[in-house]
């Protein structure tokens, strides 16, 4: 039986209403992550960039998708005055802060757009490149972005408004796995601050750290079994359950 999920998406988390949830047998659940939304944005940047450069006044909105996943493009949104994409090549993620600003990760770094599509901030340079997945989280009076850097072999945590990097999550040698490759693809955070980081472009292990970055445990590996993953590409926590359930999506 399928159930309609309702709520507000923030980063990869959905803020679900506090309604009773019936007991369910253990199962492996696959979920959609933000890949489709990001594909729509990327297509908009590319398609509208060309059209906008040719004739800014002739661009019309384009409807994409189907059903609940139907989107209308906004001509010129996220483009430079020249009509070119502001972010360049991307294989990343999208999150939104409390003020409604949109954070988009690209190969060059993280670009912050106003709701109107203007670049208001950017974090570029070697320490922000290749963020494949992001999640934004309010901690005290600050907002932080957690990122999985697939080509940099680490997860990071940085201040969403200053860019200050406060935490690096590297491959935990103490896990005893002896891995040759560490290419994180997804990241999510538990209610208590524990961090989950997937090695989806390598071994497909899921690593768990505490809020300070201390390695706690790992589970899973590559394969198609119930407790295995095949390119663990997206993660989120379903907080309707107690304890919350970790949902992991293969590509």
C-alpha atoms as a PDB file:
ATOM      1  CA  UNK A   1       0.000   0.000   0.000  1.00  0.00           C
ATOM      2  CA  UNK A   2       1.373   3.391  -0.917  1.00  0.00           C
ATOM      3  CA  UNK A   3       1.005   6.455   1.288  1.00  0.00           C
ATOM      4  CA  UNK A   4       1.093  10.101   0.273  1.00  0.00           C
ATOM      5  CA  UNK A   5       3.902  11.915   2.037  1.00  0.00           C
ATOM      6  CA  UNK A   6       3.231  15.540   2.827  1.00  0.00           C
ATOM      7  CA  UNK A   7       5.467  18.153   4.329  1.00  0.00           C
ATOM      8  CA  UNK A   8       8.029  20.821   3.607  1.00  0.00           C
ATOM      9  CA  UNK A   9      11.379  19.962   2.079  1.00  0.00           C
ATOM     10  CA  UNK A  10      14.429  21.695   3.605  1.00  0.00           C
ATOM     11  CA  UNK A  11      17.656  20.431   2.123  1.00  0.00           C
ATOM     12  CA  UNK A  12      17.019  16.683   1.984  1.00  0.00           C
ATOM     13  CA  UNK A  13      14.811  16.631   5.118  1.00  0.00           C
ATOM     14  CA  UNK A  14      11.032  16.640   5.004  1.00  0.00           C
ATOM     15  CA  UNK A  15       9.279  18.300   7.937  1.00  0.00           C
ATOM     16  CA  UNK A  16       6.321  15.934   8.399  1.00  0.00           C
ATOM     17  CA  UNK A  17       3.296  16.622  10.592  1.00  0.00           C
ATOM     18  CA  UNK A  18       3.340  14.854  13.934  1.00  0.00           C
ATOM     19  CA  UNK A  19       0.762  12.167  13.143  1.00  0.00           C
ATOM     20  CA  UNK A  20       0.725   8.612  14.490  1.00  0.00           C
ATOM     21  CA  UNK A  21       2.476   6.098  12.254  1.00  0.00           C
ATOM     22  CA  UNK A  22       1.425   2.438  12.289  1.00  0.00           C
ATOM     23  CA  UNK A  23       4.019  -0.195  12.981  1.00  0.00           C
ATOM     24  CA  UNK A  24       5.610  -1.551   9.839  1.00  0.00           C
ATOM     25  CA  UNK A  25       7.888  -4.550   9.296  1.00  0.00           C
ATOM     26  CA  UNK A  26      11.564  -3.795   8.654  1.00  0.00           C
ATOM     27  CA  UNK A  27      12.152  -3.074   5.005  1.00  0.00           C
ATOM     28  CA  UNK A  28      14.603  -1.409   2.696  1.00  0.00           C
ATOM     29  CA  UNK A  29      13.056   1.786   1.376  1.00  0.00           C
ATOM     30  CA  UNK A  30      14.160   3.594  -1.760  1.00  0.00           C
ATOM     31  CA  UNK A  31      13.324   7.289  -1.994  1.00  0.00           C
ATOM     32  CA  UNK A  32      13.751  10.018  -4.547  1.00  0.00           C
ATOM     33  CA  UNK A  33      16.370  12.583  -3.581  1.00  0.00           C
ATOM     34  CA  UNK A  34      16.738  16.037  -5.109  1.00  0.00           C
ATOM     35  CA  UNK A  35      18.288  14.692  -8.321  1.00  0.00           C
ATOM     36  CA  UNK A  36      15.141  15.329 -10.380  1.00  0.00           C
ATOM     37  CA  UNK A  37      14.721  18.874  -9.068  1.00  0.00           C
ATOM     38  CA  UNK A  38      18.352  19.613  -9.715  1.00  0.00           C
ATOM     39  CA  UNK A  39      18.118  18.144 -13.219  1.00  0.00           C
ATOM     40  CA  UNK A  40      15.249  20.541 -13.917  1.00  0.00           C
ATOM     41  CA  UNK A  41      17.308  23.494 -12.673  1.00  0.00           C
ATOM     42  CA  UNK A  42      20.351  22.412 -14.646  1.00  0.00           C
ATOM     43  CA  UNK A  43      18.289  22.018 -17.801  1.00  0.00           C
ATOM     44  CA  UNK A  44      16.796  25.455 -17.240  1.00  0.00           C
ATOM     45  CA  UNK A  45      20.243  27.016 -16.886  1.00  0.00           C
ATOM     46  CA  UNK A  46      21.465  25.374 -20.093  1.00  0.00           C
ATOM     47  CA  UNK A  47      18.384  25.789 -22.276  1.00  0.00           C
ATOM     48  CA  UNK A  48      17.414  29.249 -21.134  1.00  0.00           C
ATOM     49  CA  UNK A  49      21.020  30.391 -21.179  1.00  0.00           C
ATOM     50  CA  UNK A  50      21.219  29.807 -24.922  1.00  0.00           C
ATOM     51  CA  UNK A  51      17.819  31.307 -25.658  1.00  0.00           C
ATOM     52  CA  UNK A  52      18.334  34.280 -23.364  1.00  0.00           C
ATOM     53  CA  UNK A  53      21.643  35.111 -25.013  1.00  0.00           C
ATOM     54  CA  UNK A  54      19.979  35.086 -28.430  1.00  0.00           C
ATOM     55  CA  UNK A  55      16.932  37.179 -27.563  1.00  0.00           C
ATOM     56  CA  UNK A  56      16.080  37.989 -23.908  1.00  0.00           C
ATOM     57  CA  UNK A  57      12.607  39.260 -24.767  1.00  0.00           C
ATOM     58  CA  UNK A  58      11.569  36.120 -26.670  1.00  0.00           C
ATOM     59  CA  UNK A  59      12.019  33.571 -23.873  1.00  0.00           C
ATOM     60  CA  UNK A  60       8.827  31.927 -22.662  1.00  0.00           C
ATOM     61  CA  UNK A  61       8.360  29.726 -19.578  1.00  0.00           C
ATOM     62  CA  UNK A  62       8.643  25.994 -20.216  1.00  0.00           C
ATOM     63  CA  UNK A  63       6.610  23.397 -18.328  1.00  0.00           C
ATOM     64  CA  UNK A  64       8.515  20.242 -17.388  1.00  0.00           C
ATOM     65  CA  UNK A  65       7.729  16.984 -15.631  1.00  0.00           C
ATOM     66  CA  UNK A  66       4.371  15.409 -14.855  1.00  0.00           C
ATOM     67  CA  UNK A  67       1.909  15.051 -12.007  1.00  0.00           C
ATOM     68  CA  UNK A  68       3.233  16.237  -8.649  1.00  0.00           C
ATOM     69  CA  UNK A  69       6.663  16.715 -10.219  1.00  0.00           C
ATOM     70  CA  UNK A  70       5.561  19.434 -12.679  1.00  0.00           C
ATOM     71  CA  UNK A  71       7.629  22.617 -12.853  1.00  0.00           C
ATOM     72  CA  UNK A  72       7.510  25.895 -14.766  1.00  0.00           C
ATOM     73  CA  UNK A  73      10.824  27.510 -15.641  1.00  0.00           C
ATOM     74  CA  UNK A  74      11.412  31.198 -14.915  1.00  0.00           C
ATOM     75  CA  UNK A  75      13.165  32.851 -17.880  1.00  0.00           C
ATOM     76  CA  UNK A  76      16.430  34.460 -16.857  1.00  0.00           C
ATOM     77  CA  UNK A  77      16.439  33.051 -13.322  1.00  0.00           C
ATOM     78  CA  UNK A  78      19.991  32.194 -12.239  1.00  0.00           C
ATOM     79  CA  UNK A  79      21.585  33.645 -15.359  1.00  0.00           C
ATOM     80  CA  UNK A  80      24.130  36.407 -15.702  1.00  0.00           C
ATOM     81  CA  UNK A  81      23.183  39.532 -17.716  1.00  0.00           C
ATOM     82  CA  UNK A  82      24.982  37.943 -20.675  1.00  0.00           C
ATOM     83  CA  UNK A  83      22.548  35.021 -20.558  1.00  0.00           C
ATOM     84  CA  UNK A  84      25.179  32.545 -19.351  1.00  0.00           C
ATOM     85  CA  UNK A  85      24.731  30.253 -16.373  1.00  0.00           C
ATOM     86  CA  UNK A  86      26.077  31.751 -13.155  1.00  0.00           C
ATOM     87  CA  UNK A  87      27.241  28.399 -11.805  1.00  0.00           C
ATOM     88  CA  UNK A  88      28.805  26.545 -14.730  1.00  0.00           C
ATOM     89  CA  UNK A  89      29.076  22.732 -14.784  1.00  0.00           C
ATOM     90  CA  UNK A  90      27.355  21.060 -11.867  1.00  0.00           C
ATOM     91  CA  UNK A  91      26.763  17.636 -10.358  1.00  0.00           C
ATOM     92  CA  UNK A  92      25.457  18.808  -7.050  1.00  0.00           C
ATOM     93  CA  UNK A  93      22.591  19.783  -4.802  1.00  0.00           C
ATOM     94  CA  UNK A  94      20.130  22.535  -3.834  1.00  0.00           C
ATOM     95  CA  UNK A  95      19.170  23.730  -0.326  1.00  0.00           C
ATOM     96  CA  UNK A  96      17.250  26.777   0.952  1.00  0.00           C
ATOM     97  CA  UNK A  97      17.990  28.866   4.051  1.00  0.00           C
ATOM     98  CA  UNK A  98      15.499  30.511   6.415  1.00  0.00           C
ATOM     99  CA  UNK A  99      15.536  33.739   4.400  1.00  0.00           C
ATOM    100  CA  UNK A 100      14.574  31.886   1.227  1.00  0.00           C
ATOM    101  CA  UNK A 101      17.995  32.091  -0.432  1.00  0.00           C
ATOM    102  CA  UNK A 102      18.859  29.156  -2.679  1.00  0.00           C
ATOM    103  CA  UNK A 103      22.260  27.438  -2.355  1.00  0.00           C
ATOM    104  CA  UNK A 104      23.421  25.516  -5.413  1.00  0.00           C
ATOM    105  CA  UNK A 105      26.596  23.429  -5.446  1.00  0.00           C
ATOM    106  CA  UNK A 106      28.643  23.188  -8.623  1.00  0.00           C
ATOM    107  CA  UNK A 107      32.074  21.933  -9.623  1.00  0.00           C
ATOM    108  CA  UNK A 108      33.520  25.390  -8.887  1.00  0.00           C
ATOM    109  CA  UNK A 109      31.892  25.795  -5.467  1.00  0.00           C
ATOM    110  CA  UNK A 110      28.615  26.923  -3.904  1.00  0.00           C
ATOM    111  CA  UNK A 111      26.546  29.766  -5.364  1.00  0.00           C
ATOM    112  CA  UNK A 112      23.819  31.533  -3.387  1.00  0.00           C
ATOM    113  CA  UNK A 113      20.819  33.027  -5.209  1.00  0.00           C
ATOM    114  CA  UNK A 114      18.110  35.351  -3.963  1.00  0.00           C
ATOM    115  CA  UNK A 115      14.532  34.131  -4.543  1.00  0.00           C
ATOM    116  CA  UNK A 116      14.570  36.386  -7.634  1.00  0.00           C
ATOM    117  CA  UNK A 117      17.528  34.478  -9.096  1.00  0.00           C
ATOM    118  CA  UNK A 118      20.343  36.977  -8.466  1.00  0.00           C
ATOM    119  CA  UNK A 119      23.710  35.764  -7.150  1.00  0.00           C
ATOM    120  CA  UNK A 120      24.109  37.237  -3.651  1.00  0.00           C
ATOM    121  CA  UNK A 121      27.078  35.180  -2.423  1.00  0.00           C
ATOM    122  CA  UNK A 122      29.458  32.486  -3.591  1.00  0.00           C
ATOM    123  CA  UNK A 123      31.945  30.160  -1.952  1.00  0.00           C
ATOM    124  CA  UNK A 124      34.523  29.083  -4.502  1.00  0.00           C
ATOM    125  CA  UNK A 125      38.011  27.637  -4.312  1.00  0.00           C
ATOM    126  CA  UNK A 126      39.517  24.230  -3.606  1.00  0.00           C
ATOM    127  CA  UNK A 127      37.801  23.834  -0.227  1.00  0.00           C
ATOM    128  CA  UNK A 128      34.273  24.113  -1.680  1.00  0.00           C
ATOM    129  CA  UNK A 129      34.587  22.245  -4.993  1.00  0.00           C
ATOM    130  CA  UNK A 130      32.751  19.084  -6.048  1.00  0.00           C
ATOM    131  CA  UNK A 131      30.034  19.080  -3.387  1.00  0.00           C
ATOM    132  CA  UNK A 132      27.768  16.292  -4.607  1.00  0.00           C
ATOM    133  CA  UNK A 133      25.136  16.601  -1.878  1.00  0.00           C
ATOM    134  CA  UNK A 134      24.219  19.237   0.714  1.00  0.00           C
ATOM    135  CA  UNK A 135      21.954  19.581   3.714  1.00  0.00           C
ATOM    136  CA  UNK A 136      21.253  22.793   5.630  1.00  0.00           C
ATOM    137  CA  UNK A 137      20.619  22.760   9.372  1.00  0.00           C
ATOM    138  CA  UNK A 138      19.842  25.393  12.017  1.00  0.00           C
ATOM    139  CA  UNK A 139      22.049  25.016  15.100  1.00  0.00           C
ATOM    140  CA  UNK A 140      21.479  27.645  17.759  1.00  0.00           C
ATOM    141  CA  UNK A 141      21.345  31.004  15.994  1.00  0.00           C
ATOM    142  CA  UNK A 142      23.479  29.861  13.032  1.00  0.00           C
ATOM    143  CA  UNK A 143      22.728  27.955   9.845  1.00  0.00           C
ATOM    144  CA  UNK A 144      25.234  25.373   8.658  1.00  0.00           C
ATOM    145  CA  UNK A 145      25.614  23.491   5.414  1.00  0.00           C
ATOM    146  CA  UNK A 146      26.848  19.912   5.453  1.00  0.00           C
ATOM    147  CA  UNK A 147      28.352  18.733   2.181  1.00  0.00           C
ATOM    148  CA  UNK A 148      29.545  15.443   0.669  1.00  0.00           C
ATOM    149  CA  UNK A 149      32.571  16.109  -1.572  1.00  0.00           C
ATOM    150  CA  UNK A 150      32.896  13.127  -3.874  1.00  0.00           C
ATOM    151  CA  UNK A 151      36.124  14.204  -5.602  1.00  0.00           C
ATOM    152  CA  UNK A 152      37.757  15.561  -2.440  1.00  0.00           C
ATOM    153  CA  UNK A 153      37.294  12.428  -0.308  1.00  0.00           C
ATOM    154  CA  UNK A 154      35.549  14.162   2.581  1.00  0.00           C
ATOM    155  CA  UNK A 155      32.429  15.580   4.109  1.00  0.00           C
ATOM    156  CA  UNK A 156      32.451  19.177   5.338  1.00  0.00           C
ATOM    157  CA  UNK A 157      30.389  21.487   7.525  1.00  0.00           C
ATOM    158  CA  UNK A 158      30.475  25.245   6.985  1.00  0.00           C
ATOM    159  CA  UNK A 159      28.607  28.365   8.062  1.00  0.00           C
ATOM    160  CA  UNK A 160      25.961  29.092   5.433  1.00  0.00           C
ATOM    161  CA  UNK A 161      26.415  32.863   5.743  1.00  0.00           C
ATOM    162  CA  UNK A 162      30.174  33.276   6.186  1.00  0.00           C
ATOM    163  CA  UNK A 163      31.575  30.178   4.505  1.00  0.00           C
ATOM    164  CA  UNK A 164      33.669  29.327   7.577  1.00  0.00           C
ATOM    165  CA  UNK A 165      34.473  25.604   7.490  1.00  0.00           C
ATOM    166  CA  UNK A 166      34.121  24.173  10.992  1.00  0.00           C
ATOM    167  CA  UNK A 167      34.365  20.418  10.382  1.00  0.00           C
ATOM    168  CA  UNK A 168      36.050  17.958   7.998  1.00  0.00           C
ATOM    169  CA  UNK A 169      34.879  14.341   7.817  1.00  0.00           C
ATOM    170  CA  UNK A 170      37.612  12.164   6.319  1.00  0.00           C
ATOM    171  CA  UNK A 171      37.874   8.419   5.784  1.00  0.00           C
ATOM    172  CA  UNK A 172      38.079   6.768   9.232  1.00  0.00           C
ATOM    173  CA  UNK A 173      41.110   4.495   9.215  1.00  0.00           C
ATOM    174  CA  UNK A 174      39.920   3.112  12.560  1.00  0.00           C
ATOM    175  CA  UNK A 175      37.019   1.444  10.728  1.00  0.00           C
ATOM    176  CA  UNK A 176      39.481  -1.289   9.745  1.00  0.00           C
ATOM    177  CA  UNK A 177      38.067  -1.533   6.217  1.00  0.00           C
ATOM    178  CA  UNK A 178      41.320  -0.640   4.488  1.00  0.00           C
ATOM    179  CA  UNK A 179      39.520   1.100   1.633  1.00  0.00           C
ATOM    180  CA  UNK A 180      41.470   2.423  -1.336  1.00  0.00           C
ATOM    181  CA  UNK A 181      38.825   4.964  -2.395  1.00  0.00           C
ATOM    182  CA  UNK A 182      36.600   7.363  -0.463  1.00  0.00           C
ATOM    183  CA  UNK A 183      34.134   9.257  -2.658  1.00  0.00           C
ATOM    184  CA  UNK A 184      31.175  10.521  -0.593  1.00  0.00           C
ATOM    185  CA  UNK A 185      27.910  11.075  -2.441  1.00  0.00           C
ATOM    186  CA  UNK A 186      25.321  11.867   0.247  1.00  0.00           C
ATOM    187  CA  UNK A 187      25.112  13.282   3.755  1.00  0.00           C
ATOM    188  CA  UNK A 188      22.382  13.674   6.362  1.00  0.00           C
ATOM    189  CA  UNK A 189      22.198  14.607  10.044  1.00  0.00           C
ATOM    190  CA  UNK A 190      20.268  13.052  12.904  1.00  0.00           C
ATOM    191  CA  UNK A 191      18.257  14.963  15.523  1.00  0.00           C
ATOM    192  CA  UNK A 192      21.135  14.580  18.007  1.00  0.00           C
ATOM    193  CA  UNK A 193      23.724  15.859  15.524  1.00  0.00           C
ATOM    194  CA  UNK A 194      25.086  12.479  14.415  1.00  0.00           C
ATOM    195  CA  UNK A 195      26.231  12.592  10.790  1.00  0.00           C
ATOM    196  CA  UNK A 196      25.744   9.906   8.143  1.00  0.00           C
ATOM    197  CA  UNK A 197      28.011   9.944   5.075  1.00  0.00           C
ATOM    198  CA  UNK A 198      27.703   7.494   2.174  1.00  0.00           C
ATOM    199  CA  UNK A 199      30.704   6.281   0.184  1.00  0.00           C
ATOM    200  CA  UNK A 200      28.447   5.872  -2.823  1.00  0.00           C
ATOM    201  CA  UNK A 201      31.005   6.285  -5.592  1.00  0.00           C
ATOM    202  CA  UNK A 202      33.322   3.679  -4.080  1.00  0.00           C
ATOM    203  CA  UNK A 203      32.579   0.971  -1.485  1.00  0.00           C
ATOM    204  CA  UNK A 204      28.931   1.910  -0.741  1.00  0.00           C
ATOM    205  CA  UNK A 205      29.538   1.767   3.009  1.00  0.00           C
ATOM    206  CA  UNK A 206      27.547   4.196   5.161  1.00  0.00           C
ATOM    207  CA  UNK A 207      29.702   5.871   7.826  1.00  0.00           C
ATOM    208  CA  UNK A 208      28.335   7.367  11.029  1.00  0.00           C
ATOM    209  CA  UNK A 209      30.109  10.150  12.965  1.00  0.00           C
ATOM    210  CA  UNK A 210      29.125  12.108  16.043  1.00  0.00           C
ATOM    211  CA  UNK A 211      28.586  15.874  15.897  1.00  0.00           C
ATOM    212  CA  UNK A 212      32.303  16.515  16.487  1.00  0.00           C
ATOM    213  CA  UNK A 213      33.369  14.285  13.590  1.00  0.00           C
ATOM    214  CA  UNK A 214      34.352  11.259  15.687  1.00  0.00           C
ATOM    215  CA  UNK A 215      33.841   7.962  13.831  1.00  0.00           C
ATOM    216  CA  UNK A 216      31.172   5.788  15.454  1.00  0.00           C
ATOM    217  CA  UNK A 217      30.350   2.914  13.109  1.00  0.00           C
ATOM    218  CA  UNK A 218      29.682   1.819   9.542  1.00  0.00           C
ATOM    219  CA  UNK A 219      27.283  -0.554   7.818  1.00  0.00           C
ATOM    220  CA  UNK A 220      26.348  -1.878   4.384  1.00  0.00           C
ATOM    221  CA  UNK A 221      28.553  -2.543   1.384  1.00  0.00           C
ATOM    222  CA  UNK A 222      28.241  -2.856  -2.392  1.00  0.00           C
ATOM    223  CA  UNK A 223      25.682  -5.252  -3.808  1.00  0.00           C
ATOM    224  CA  UNK A 224      21.982  -5.797  -4.435  1.00  0.00           C
ATOM    225  CA  UNK A 225      21.040  -7.561  -1.210  1.00  0.00           C
ATOM    226  CA  UNK A 226      18.686  -6.253   1.472  1.00  0.00           C
ATOM    227  CA  UNK A 227      21.558  -4.805   3.518  1.00  0.00           C
ATOM    228  CA  UNK A 228      23.646  -3.697   0.531  1.00  0.00           C
ATOM    229  CA  UNK A 229      23.684  -0.655  -1.736  1.00  0.00           C
ATOM    230  CA  UNK A 230      24.377  -0.052  -5.405  1.00  0.00           C
ATOM    231  CA  UNK A 231      25.720   3.505  -5.627  1.00  0.00           C
ATOM    232  CA  UNK A 232      24.127   4.905  -2.454  1.00  0.00           C
ATOM    233  CA  UNK A 233      23.245   8.260  -3.948  1.00  0.00           C
ATOM    234  CA  UNK A 234      20.822  10.007  -1.592  1.00  0.00           C
ATOM    235  CA  UNK A 235      19.921   9.899   2.111  1.00  0.00           C
ATOM    236  CA  UNK A 236      17.429  11.465   4.470  1.00  0.00           C
ATOM    237  CA  UNK A 237      15.867  10.752   7.851  1.00  0.00           C
ATOM    238  CA  UNK A 238      12.166  10.007   8.226  1.00  0.00           C
ATOM    239  CA  UNK A 239      11.455  11.634  11.591  1.00  0.00           C
ATOM    240  CA  UNK A 240       7.849  10.405  11.724  1.00  0.00           C
ATOM    241  CA  UNK A 241       9.225   7.289  13.403  1.00  0.00           C
ATOM    242  CA  UNK A 242      10.846   6.886  16.819  1.00  0.00           C
ATOM    243  CA  UNK A 243      13.690   6.318  16.409  1.00  0.00           C
ATOM    244  CA  UNK A 244      13.934   8.092  13.055  1.00  0.00           C
ATOM    245  CA  UNK A 245      14.480   5.868  10.019  1.00  0.00           C
ATOM    246  CA  UNK A 246      17.392   6.416   7.691  1.00  0.00           C
ATOM    247  CA  UNK A 247      16.253   6.256   4.059  1.00  0.00           C
ATOM    248  CA  UNK A 248      18.940   5.502   1.478  1.00  0.00           C
ATOM    249  CA  UNK A 249      18.417   5.771  -2.265  1.00  0.00           C
ATOM    250  CA  UNK A 250      20.491   3.862  -4.805  1.00  0.00           C
ATOM    251  CA  UNK A 251      21.138   5.647  -8.076  1.00  0.00           C
END
